[in-house]
Amino acid sequence: MSQTVHALFPCNEGSGAELLAILKEALVDTRAFDGCESIEAYTNADAPDDVVLWEKFETRAHHEAYLSWRVETGMLDMLAPILRSELEVTYLDNHADV
């Protein structure tokens, strides 16, 4: 079963559009990363500078490897100036029987 991941990027006021522009290029590599099944970008309708990625990876380990790669390549450090707080990653378990 796939691992669903919710990643919240809480951007500084007015920086949501800047993050989306960065992600437009960066997510090309994400989609090609081993284990990535899908990734979609959203903004909070009531707080447009909160950018959310809704991700599906084969396993949590695949996503953790991806996240480590992003840290190693400096992506998160590069985003730090436009974020008002740290990236929040939540791993979600599906309850299809509910």
PDB file of N, CA and C in Angstrom:
ATOM      1  N   MET A   1       0.837  -1.192   0.000  1.00  0.00           N
ATOM      2  CA  MET A   1       0.000   0.000   0.000  1.00  0.00           C
ATOM      3  C   MET A   1       0.876   1.248   0.000  1.00  0.00           C
ATOM      4  N   SER A   2       0.511   2.216  -0.776  1.00  0.00           N
ATOM      5  CA  SER A   2       1.248   3.470  -0.884  1.00  0.00           C
ATOM      6  C   SER A   2       1.255   4.240   0.425  1.00  0.00           C
ATOM      7  N   GLN A   3       2.283   5.070   0.575  1.00  0.00           N
ATOM      8  CA  GLN A   3       2.363   5.985   1.715  1.00  0.00           C
ATOM      9  C   GLN A   3       1.890   7.351   1.253  1.00  0.00           C
ATOM     10  N   THR A   4       0.859   7.874   1.903  1.00  0.00           N
ATOM     11  CA  THR A   4       0.384   9.220   1.616  1.00  0.00           C
ATOM     12  C   THR A   4       1.091  10.180   2.556  1.00  0.00           C
ATOM     13  N   VAL A   5       1.532  11.306   1.989  1.00  0.00           N
ATOM     14  CA  VAL A   5       2.286  12.291   2.760  1.00  0.00           C
ATOM     15  C   VAL A   5       1.669  13.666   2.548  1.00  0.00           C
ATOM     16  N   HIS A   6       1.488  14.375   3.650  1.00  0.00           N
ATOM     17  CA  HIS A   6       1.024  15.761   3.632  1.00  0.00           C
ATOM     18  C   HIS A   6       2.220  16.610   4.051  1.00  0.00           C
ATOM     19  N   ALA A   7       2.658  17.509   3.172  1.00  0.00           N
ATOM     20  CA  ALA A   7       3.791  18.385   3.492  1.00  0.00           C
ATOM     21  C   ALA A   7       3.310  19.828   3.434  1.00  0.00           C
ATOM     22  N   LEU A   8       3.420  20.519   4.566  1.00  0.00           N
ATOM     23  CA  LEU A   8       2.987  21.912   4.662  1.00  0.00           C
ATOM     24  C   LEU A   8       4.209  22.819   4.676  1.00  0.00           C
ATOM     25  N   PHE A   9       4.221  23.762   3.735  1.00  0.00           N
ATOM     26  CA  PHE A   9       5.256  24.791   3.673  1.00  0.00           C
ATOM     27  C   PHE A   9       4.611  26.107   4.098  1.00  0.00           C
ATOM     28  N   PRO A  10       4.772  26.511   5.358  1.00  0.00           N
ATOM     29  CA  PRO A  10       4.178  27.774   5.814  1.00  0.00           C
ATOM     30  C   PRO A  10       5.076  28.951   5.407  1.00  0.00           C
ATOM     31  N   CYS A  11       4.688  29.638   4.348  1.00  0.00           N
ATOM     32  CA  CYS A  11       5.511  30.709   3.791  1.00  0.00           C
ATOM     33  C   CYS A  11       5.247  32.046   4.479  1.00  0.00           C
ATOM     34  N   ASN A  12       6.260  32.896   4.424  1.00  0.00           N
ATOM     35  CA  ASN A  12       6.095  34.271   4.880  1.00  0.00           C
ATOM     36  C   ASN A  12       5.023  34.942   4.029  1.00  0.00           C
ATOM     37  N   GLU A  13       4.409  35.970   4.578  1.00  0.00           N
ATOM     38  CA  GLU A  13       3.356  36.680   3.861  1.00  0.00           C
ATOM     39  C   GLU A  13       3.862  37.140   2.498  1.00  0.00           C
ATOM     40  N   GLY A  14       3.108  36.802   1.463  1.00  0.00           N
ATOM     41  CA  GLY A  14       3.452  37.190   0.111  1.00  0.00           C
ATOM     42  C   GLY A  14       4.433  36.270  -0.603  1.00  0.00           C
ATOM     43  N   SER A  15       4.883  35.200   0.059  1.00  0.00           N
ATOM     44  CA  SER A  15       5.897  34.314  -0.532  1.00  0.00           C
ATOM     45  C   SER A  15       5.339  33.016  -1.113  1.00  0.00           C
ATOM     46  N   GLY A  16       4.056  32.784  -0.975  1.00  0.00           N
ATOM     47  CA  GLY A  16       3.473  31.547  -1.493  1.00  0.00           C
ATOM     48  C   GLY A  16       3.675  31.391  -2.995  1.00  0.00           C
ATOM     49  N   ALA A  17       3.468  32.461  -3.745  1.00  0.00           N
ATOM     50  CA  ALA A  17       3.635  32.408  -5.196  1.00  0.00           C
ATOM     51  C   ALA A  17       5.086  32.124  -5.572  1.00  0.00           C
ATOM     52  N   GLU A  18       6.022  32.667  -4.803  1.00  0.00           N
ATOM     53  CA  GLU A  18       7.444  32.412  -5.050  1.00  0.00           C
ATOM     54  C   GLU A  18       7.760  30.927  -4.854  1.00  0.00           C
ATOM     55  N   LEU A  19       7.211  30.340  -3.786  1.00  0.00           N
ATOM     56  CA  LEU A  19       7.435  28.917  -3.553  1.00  0.00           C
ATOM     57  C   LEU A  19       6.833  28.085  -4.681  1.00  0.00           C
ATOM     58  N   LEU A  20       5.639  28.426  -5.125  1.00  0.00           N
ATOM     59  CA  LEU A  20       5.015  27.674  -6.216  1.00  0.00           C
ATOM     60  C   LEU A  20       5.877  27.720  -7.484  1.00  0.00           C
ATOM     61  N   ALA A  21       6.487  28.859  -7.766  1.00  0.00           N
ATOM     62  CA  ALA A  21       7.362  28.982  -8.935  1.00  0.00           C
ATOM     63  C   ALA A  21       8.582  28.074  -8.787  1.00  0.00           C
ATOM     64  N   ILE A  22       9.138  28.010  -7.590  1.00  0.00           N
ATOM     65  CA  ILE A  22      10.286  27.131  -7.324  1.00  0.00           C
ATOM     66  C   ILE A  22       9.869  25.675  -7.475  1.00  0.00           C
ATOM     67  N   LEU A  23       8.701  25.344  -6.915  1.00  0.00           N
ATOM     68  CA  LEU A  23       8.230  23.960  -6.964  1.00  0.00           C
ATOM     69  C   LEU A  23       7.912  23.503  -8.380  1.00  0.00           C
ATOM     70  N   LYS A  24       7.485  24.418  -9.224  1.00  0.00           N
ATOM     71  CA  LYS A  24       7.166  24.042 -10.607  1.00  0.00           C
ATOM     72  C   LYS A  24       8.361  23.361 -11.264  1.00  0.00           C
ATOM     73  N   GLU A  25       9.557  23.858 -10.993  1.00  0.00           N
ATOM     74  CA  GLU A  25      10.771  23.241 -11.523  1.00  0.00           C
ATOM     75  C   GLU A  25      11.223  22.063 -10.673  1.00  0.00           C
ATOM     76  N   ALA A  26      11.198  22.230  -9.359  1.00  0.00           N
ATOM     77  CA  ALA A  26      11.733  21.207  -8.455  1.00  0.00           C
ATOM     78  C   ALA A  26      10.943  19.904  -8.492  1.00  0.00           C
ATOM     79  N   LEU A  27       9.641  20.000  -8.712  1.00  0.00           N
ATOM     80  CA  LEU A  27       8.818  18.791  -8.668  1.00  0.00           C
ATOM     81  C   LEU A  27       9.015  17.886  -9.883  1.00  0.00           C
ATOM     82  N   VAL A  28       9.666  18.394 -10.911  1.00  0.00           N
ATOM     83  CA  VAL A  28      10.028  17.535 -12.043  1.00  0.00           C
ATOM     84  C   VAL A  28      10.949  16.426 -11.524  1.00  0.00           C
ATOM     85  N   ASP A  29      11.942  16.810 -10.710  1.00  0.00           N
ATOM     86  CA  ASP A  29      12.864  15.830 -10.120  1.00  0.00           C
ATOM     87  C   ASP A  29      12.159  14.935  -9.102  1.00  0.00           C
ATOM     88  N   THR A  30      11.218  15.503  -8.363  1.00  0.00           N
ATOM     89  CA  THR A  30      10.476  14.720  -7.378  1.00  0.00           C
ATOM     90  C   THR A  30       9.703  13.605  -8.070  1.00  0.00           C
ATOM     91  N   ARG A  31       9.022  13.949  -9.135  1.00  0.00           N
ATOM     92  CA  ARG A  31       8.208  12.959  -9.850  1.00  0.00           C
ATOM     93  C   ARG A  31       9.069  11.842 -10.445  1.00  0.00           C
ATOM     94  N   ALA A  32      10.334  12.140 -10.718  1.00  0.00           N
ATOM     95  CA  ALA A  32      11.255  11.138 -11.264  1.00  0.00           C
ATOM     96  C   ALA A  32      11.979  10.357 -10.174  1.00  0.00           C
ATOM     97  N   PHE A  33      11.809  10.745  -8.912  1.00  0.00           N
ATOM     98  CA  PHE A  33      12.533  10.114  -7.818  1.00  0.00           C
ATOM     99  C   PHE A  33      11.986   8.704  -7.560  1.00  0.00           C
ATOM    100  N   ASP A  34      12.870   7.797  -7.236  1.00  0.00           N
ATOM    101  CA  ASP A  34      12.495   6.413  -6.978  1.00  0.00           C
ATOM    102  C   ASP A  34      11.394   6.323  -5.925  1.00  0.00           C
ATOM    103  N   GLY A  35      10.299   5.700  -6.273  1.00  0.00           N
ATOM    104  CA  GLY A  35       9.203   5.480  -5.338  1.00  0.00           C
ATOM    105  C   GLY A  35       8.095   6.514  -5.397  1.00  0.00           C
ATOM    106  N   CYS A  36       8.325   7.624  -6.085  1.00  0.00           N
ATOM    107  CA  CYS A  36       7.278   8.642  -6.177  1.00  0.00           C
ATOM    108  C   CYS A  36       6.192   8.168  -7.129  1.00  0.00           C
ATOM    109  N   GLU A  37       4.971   8.116  -6.635  1.00  0.00           N
ATOM    110  CA  GLU A  37       3.826   7.722  -7.456  1.00  0.00           C
ATOM    111  C   GLU A  37       3.055   8.940  -7.957  1.00  0.00           C
ATOM    112  N   SER A  38       2.954   9.974  -7.116  1.00  0.00           N
ATOM    113  CA  SER A  38       2.280  11.209  -7.529  1.00  0.00           C
ATOM    114  C   SER A  38       2.580  12.308  -6.521  1.00  0.00           C
ATOM    115  N   ILE A  39       2.440  13.524  -6.998  1.00  0.00           N
ATOM    116  CA  ILE A  39       2.589  14.682  -6.114  1.00  0.00           C
ATOM    117  C   ILE A  39       1.759  15.819  -6.690  1.00  0.00           C
ATOM    118  N   GLU A  40       0.993  16.474  -5.823  1.00  0.00           N
ATOM    119  CA  GLU A  40       0.137  17.581  -6.228  1.00  0.00           C
ATOM    120  C   GLU A  40       0.402  18.749  -5.297  1.00  0.00           C
ATOM    121  N   ALA A  41       0.336  19.960  -5.824  1.00  0.00           N
ATOM    122  CA  ALA A  41       0.555  21.171  -5.032  1.00  0.00           C
ATOM    123  C   ALA A  41      -0.763  21.912  -4.849  1.00  0.00           C
ATOM    124  N   TYR A  42      -0.961  22.412  -3.644  1.00  0.00           N
ATOM    125  CA  TYR A  42      -2.173  23.162  -3.293  1.00  0.00           C
ATOM    126  C   TYR A  42      -1.780  24.389  -2.479  1.00  0.00           C
ATOM    127  N   THR A  43      -2.661  25.369  -2.461  1.00  0.00           N
ATOM    128  CA  THR A  43      -2.546  26.452  -1.493  1.00  0.00           C
ATOM    129  C   THR A  43      -3.813  26.443  -0.647  1.00  0.00           C
ATOM    130  N   ASN A  44      -3.670  26.891   0.572  1.00  0.00           N
ATOM    131  CA  ASN A  44      -4.795  27.002   1.488  1.00  0.00           C
ATOM    132  C   ASN A  44      -5.679  28.154   0.999  1.00  0.00           C
ATOM    133  N   ALA A  45      -6.935  27.873   0.714  1.00  0.00           N
ATOM    134  CA  ALA A  45      -7.846  28.898   0.186  1.00  0.00           C
ATOM    135  C   ALA A  45      -7.993  30.078   1.140  1.00  0.00           C
ATOM    136  N   ASP A  46      -7.819  29.850   2.440  1.00  0.00           N
ATOM    137  CA  ASP A  46      -7.962  30.912   3.426  1.00  0.00           C
ATOM    138  C   ASP A  46      -6.632  31.513   3.855  1.00  0.00           C
ATOM    139  N   ALA A  47      -5.533  30.909   3.448  1.00  0.00           N
ATOM    140  CA  ALA A  47      -4.189  31.405   3.779  1.00  0.00           C
ATOM    141  C   ALA A  47      -3.270  31.048   2.610  1.00  0.00           C
ATOM    142  N   PRO A  48      -3.331  31.835   1.515  1.00  0.00           N
ATOM    143  CA  PRO A  48      -2.654  31.457   0.273  1.00  0.00           C
ATOM    144  C   PRO A  48      -1.139  31.335   0.354  1.00  0.00           C
ATOM    145  N   ASP A  49      -0.545  31.757   1.442  1.00  0.00           N
ATOM    146  CA  ASP A  49       0.897  31.586   1.595  1.00  0.00           C
ATOM    147  C   ASP A  49       1.249  30.277   2.297  1.00  0.00           C
ATOM    148  N   ASP A  50       0.249  29.473   2.586  1.00  0.00           N
ATOM    149  CA  ASP A  50       0.479  28.115   3.086  1.00  0.00           C
ATOM    150  C   ASP A  50       0.351  27.167   1.902  1.00  0.00           C
ATOM    151  N   VAL A  51       1.469  26.597   1.492  1.00  0.00           N
ATOM    152  CA  VAL A  51       1.517  25.698   0.346  1.00  0.00           C
ATOM    153  C   VAL A  51       1.578  24.264   0.868  1.00  0.00           C
ATOM    154  N   VAL A  52       0.734  23.412   0.294  1.00  0.00           N
ATOM    155  CA  VAL A  52       0.647  22.019   0.707  1.00  0.00           C
ATOM    156  C   VAL A  52       1.001  21.125  -0.480  1.00  0.00           C
ATOM    157  N   LEU A  53       1.838  20.134  -0.210  1.00  0.00           N
ATOM    158  CA  LEU A  53       2.081  19.081  -1.193  1.00  0.00           C
ATOM    159  C   LEU A  53       1.380  17.827  -0.703  1.00  0.00           C
ATOM    160  N   TRP A  54       0.606  17.207  -1.573  1.00  0.00           N
ATOM    161  CA  TRP A  54      -0.084  15.950  -1.306  1.00  0.00           C
ATOM    162  C   TRP A  54       0.655  14.906  -2.128  1.00  0.00           C
ATOM    163  N   GLU A  55       1.363  14.022  -1.430  1.00  0.00           N
ATOM    164  CA  GLU A  55       2.290  13.116  -2.095  1.00  0.00           C
ATOM    165  C   GLU A  55       1.917  11.652  -1.878  1.00  0.00           C
ATOM    166  N   LYS A  56       2.218  10.838  -2.865  1.00  0.00           N
ATOM    167  CA  LYS A  56       2.081   9.378  -2.737  1.00  0.00           C
ATOM    168  C   LYS A  56       3.424   8.769  -3.128  1.00  0.00           C
ATOM    169  N   PHE A  57       3.973   7.988  -2.214  1.00  0.00           N
ATOM    170  CA  PHE A  57       5.210   7.250  -2.450  1.00  0.00           C
ATOM    171  C   PHE A  57       4.935   5.774  -2.223  1.00  0.00           C
ATOM    172  N   GLU A  58       5.745   4.927  -2.839  1.00  0.00           N
ATOM    173  CA  GLU A  58       5.556   3.481  -2.675  1.00  0.00           C
ATOM    174  C   GLU A  58       5.559   3.096  -1.205  1.00  0.00           C
ATOM    175  N   THR A  59       6.508   3.659  -0.442  1.00  0.00           N
ATOM    176  CA  THR A  59       6.617   3.358   0.986  1.00  0.00           C
ATOM    177  C   THR A  59       7.092   4.609   1.720  1.00  0.00           C
ATOM    178  N   ARG A  60       6.978   4.584   3.026  1.00  0.00           N
ATOM    179  CA  ARG A  60       7.514   5.681   3.838  1.00  0.00           C
ATOM    180  C   ARG A  60       9.025   5.775   3.654  1.00  0.00           C
ATOM    181  N   ALA A  61       9.690   4.643   3.559  1.00  0.00           N
ATOM    182  CA  ALA A  61      11.144   4.640   3.373  1.00  0.00           C
ATOM    183  C   ALA A  61      11.532   5.357   2.077  1.00  0.00           C
ATOM    184  N   HIS A  62      10.742   5.179   1.022  1.00  0.00           N
ATOM    185  CA  HIS A  62      11.017   5.896  -0.225  1.00  0.00           C
ATOM    186  C   HIS A  62      10.914   7.406  -0.001  1.00  0.00           C
ATOM    187  N   HIS A  63       9.883   7.839   0.723  1.00  0.00           N
ATOM    188  CA  HIS A  63       9.724   9.275   0.963  1.00  0.00           C
ATOM    189  C   HIS A  63      10.835   9.794   1.860  1.00  0.00           C
ATOM    190  N   GLU A  64      11.195   9.048   2.878  1.00  0.00           N
ATOM    191  CA  GLU A  64      12.271   9.477   3.774  1.00  0.00           C
ATOM    192  C   GLU A  64      13.591   9.602   3.014  1.00  0.00           C
ATOM    193  N   ALA A  65      13.846   8.699   2.066  1.00  0.00           N
ATOM    194  CA  ALA A  65      15.052   8.791   1.237  1.00  0.00           C
ATOM    195  C   ALA A  65      14.987  10.052   0.361  1.00  0.00           C
ATOM    196  N   TYR A  66      13.820  10.322  -0.163  1.00  0.00           N
ATOM    197  CA  TYR A  66      13.627  11.523  -0.973  1.00  0.00           C
ATOM    198  C   TYR A  66      13.878  12.775  -0.137  1.00  0.00           C
ATOM    199  N   LEU A  67      13.295  12.835   1.048  1.00  0.00           N
ATOM    200  CA  LEU A  67      13.450  13.989   1.916  1.00  0.00           C
ATOM    201  C   LEU A  67      14.916  14.180   2.305  1.00  0.00           C
ATOM    202  N   SER A  68      15.609  13.093   2.594  1.00  0.00           N
ATOM    203  CA  SER A  68      17.039  13.171   2.909  1.00  0.00           C
ATOM    204  C   SER A  68      17.816  13.750   1.737  1.00  0.00           C
ATOM    205  N   TRP A  69      17.462  13.318   0.522  1.00  0.00           N
ATOM    206  CA  TRP A  69      18.109  13.831  -0.673  1.00  0.00           C
ATOM    207  C   TRP A  69      17.888  15.333  -0.805  1.00  0.00           C
ATOM    208  N   ARG A  70      16.663  15.791  -0.531  1.00  0.00           N
ATOM    209  CA  ARG A  70      16.375  17.225  -0.605  1.00  0.00           C
ATOM    210  C   ARG A  70      17.195  18.002   0.424  1.00  0.00           C
ATOM    211  N   VAL A  71      17.376  17.437   1.609  1.00  0.00           N
ATOM    212  CA  VAL A  71      18.201  18.090   2.633  1.00  0.00           C
ATOM    213  C   VAL A  71      19.651  18.131   2.165  1.00  0.00           C
ATOM    214  N   GLU A  72      20.171  16.993   1.689  1.00  0.00           N
ATOM    215  CA  GLU A  72      21.560  16.901   1.244  1.00  0.00           C
ATOM    216  C   GLU A  72      21.866  17.853   0.098  1.00  0.00           C
ATOM    217  N   THR A  73      20.931  18.047  -0.798  1.00  0.00           N
ATOM    218  CA  THR A  73      21.162  18.921  -1.950  1.00  0.00           C
ATOM    219  C   THR A  73      20.938  20.401  -1.621  1.00  0.00           C
ATOM    220  N   GLY A  74      20.511  20.704  -0.390  1.00  0.00           N
ATOM    221  CA  GLY A  74      20.364  22.090   0.041  1.00  0.00           C
ATOM    222  C   GLY A  74      19.031  22.737  -0.274  1.00  0.00           C
ATOM    223  N   MET A  75      18.088  21.974  -0.763  1.00  0.00           N
ATOM    224  CA  MET A  75      16.790  22.546  -1.128  1.00  0.00           C
ATOM    225  C   MET A  75      16.094  23.186   0.071  1.00  0.00           C
ATOM    226  N   LEU A  76      16.071  22.496   1.196  1.00  0.00           N
ATOM    227  CA  LEU A  76      15.367  23.050   2.357  1.00  0.00           C
ATOM    228  C   LEU A  76      16.079  24.286   2.897  1.00  0.00           C
ATOM    229  N   ASP A  77      17.409  24.291   2.864  1.00  0.00           N
ATOM    230  CA  ASP A  77      18.157  25.487   3.280  1.00  0.00           C
ATOM    231  C   ASP A  77      17.846  26.658   2.348  1.00  0.00           C
ATOM    232  N   MET A  78      17.716  26.378   1.062  1.00  0.00           N
ATOM    233  CA  MET A  78      17.416  27.412   0.087  1.00  0.00           C
ATOM    234  C   MET A  78      16.025  28.010   0.321  1.00  0.00           C
ATOM    235  N   LEU A  79      15.096  27.175   0.800  1.00  0.00           N
ATOM    236  CA  LEU A  79      13.728  27.649   1.039  1.00  0.00           C
ATOM    237  C   LEU A  79      13.572  28.376   2.370  1.00  0.00           C
ATOM    238  N   ALA A  80      14.499  28.198   3.281  1.00  0.00           N
ATOM    239  CA  ALA A  80      14.381  28.749   4.640  1.00  0.00           C
ATOM    240  C   ALA A  80      14.017  30.237   4.672  1.00  0.00           C
ATOM    241  N   PRO A  81      14.617  31.090   3.832  1.00  0.00           N
ATOM    242  CA  PRO A  81      14.284  32.520   3.908  1.00  0.00           C
ATOM    243  C   PRO A  81      12.831  32.861   3.572  1.00  0.00           C
ATOM    244  N   ILE A  82      12.141  32.004   2.825  1.00  0.00           N
ATOM    245  CA  ILE A  82      10.746  32.327   2.489  1.00  0.00           C
ATOM    246  C   ILE A  82       9.739  31.608   3.392  1.00  0.00           C
ATOM    247  N   LEU A  83      10.234  30.752   4.292  1.00  0.00           N
ATOM    248  CA  LEU A  83       9.336  30.041   5.215  1.00  0.00           C
ATOM    249  C   LEU A  83       9.270  30.758   6.551  1.00  0.00           C
ATOM    250  N   ARG A  84       8.062  30.889   7.101  1.00  0.00           N
ATOM    251  CA  ARG A  84       7.904  31.532   8.407  1.00  0.00           C
ATOM    252  C   ARG A  84       8.127  30.549   9.547  1.00  0.00           C
ATOM    253  N   SER A  85       8.048  29.253   9.235  1.00  0.00           N
ATOM    254  CA  SER A  85       8.369  28.204  10.201  1.00  0.00           C
ATOM    255  C   SER A  85       8.784  26.964   9.413  1.00  0.00           C
ATOM    256  N   GLU A  86       9.212  25.951  10.113  1.00  0.00           N
ATOM    257  CA  GLU A  86       9.744  24.760   9.456  1.00  0.00           C
ATOM    258  C   GLU A  86       8.687  23.994   8.665  1.00  0.00           C
ATOM    259  N   LEU A  87       9.167  23.307   7.645  1.00  0.00           N
ATOM    260  CA  LEU A  87       8.345  22.387   6.881  1.00  0.00           C
ATOM    261  C   LEU A  87       7.731  21.362   7.832  1.00  0.00           C
ATOM    262  N   GLU A  88       6.447  21.081   7.653  1.00  0.00           N
ATOM    263  CA  GLU A  88       5.757  20.082   8.468  1.00  0.00           C
ATOM    264  C   GLU A  88       5.384  18.903   7.578  1.00  0.00           C
ATOM    265  N   VAL A  89       5.913  17.722   7.902  1.00  0.00           N
ATOM    266  CA  VAL A  89       5.633  16.519   7.130  1.00  0.00           C
ATOM    267  C   VAL A  89       4.804  15.577   7.987  1.00  0.00           C
ATOM    268  N   THR A  90       3.676  15.120   7.443  1.00  0.00           N
ATOM    269  CA  THR A  90       2.797  14.192   8.146  1.00  0.00           C
ATOM    270  C   THR A  90       2.608  12.959   7.280  1.00  0.00           C
ATOM    271  N   TYR A  91       2.865  11.791   7.857  1.00  0.00           N
ATOM    272  CA  TYR A  91       2.626  10.514   7.176  1.00  0.00           C
ATOM    273  C   TYR A  91       1.243  10.026   7.562  1.00  0.00           C
ATOM    274  N   LEU A  92       0.414   9.765   6.560  1.00  0.00           N
ATOM    275  CA  LEU A  92      -0.980   9.398   6.798  1.00  0.00           C
ATOM    276  C   LEU A  92      -1.226   7.939   6.488  1.00  0.00           C
ATOM    277  N   ASP A  93      -1.972   7.286   7.360  1.00  0.00           N
ATOM    278  CA  ASP A  93      -2.385   5.905   7.148  1.00  0.00           C
ATOM    279  C   ASP A  93      -3.818   5.901   6.630  1.00  0.00           C
ATOM    280  N   ASN A  94      -4.040   5.168   5.563  1.00  0.00           N
ATOM    281  CA  ASN A  94      -5.367   5.039   4.961  1.00  0.00           C
ATOM    282  C   ASN A  94      -6.208   4.028   5.728  1.00  0.00           C
ATOM    283  N   HIS A  95      -7.455   4.378   5.941  1.00  0.00           N
ATOM    284  CA  HIS A  95      -8.418   3.478   6.582  1.00  0.00           C
ATOM    285  C   HIS A  95      -9.563   3.266   5.598  1.00  0.00           C
ATOM    286  N   ALA A  96      -9.300   2.472   4.577  1.00  0.00           N
ATOM    287  CA  ALA A  96     -10.253   2.268   3.485  1.00  0.00           C
ATOM    288  C   ALA A  96     -11.549   1.603   3.950  1.00  0.00           C
ATOM    289  N   ASP A  97     -11.510   0.963   5.107  1.00  0.00           N
ATOM    290  CA  ASP A  97     -12.702   0.277   5.613  1.00  0.00           C
ATOM    291  C   ASP A  97     -13.670   1.202   6.335  1.00  0.00           C
ATOM    292  N   VAL A  98     -13.329   2.460   6.457  1.00  0.00           N
ATOM    293  CA  VAL A  98     -14.183   3.409   7.175  1.00  0.00           C
ATOM    294  C   VAL A  98     -15.013   4.195   6.193  1.00  0.00           C
TER     295      VAL A  98
END
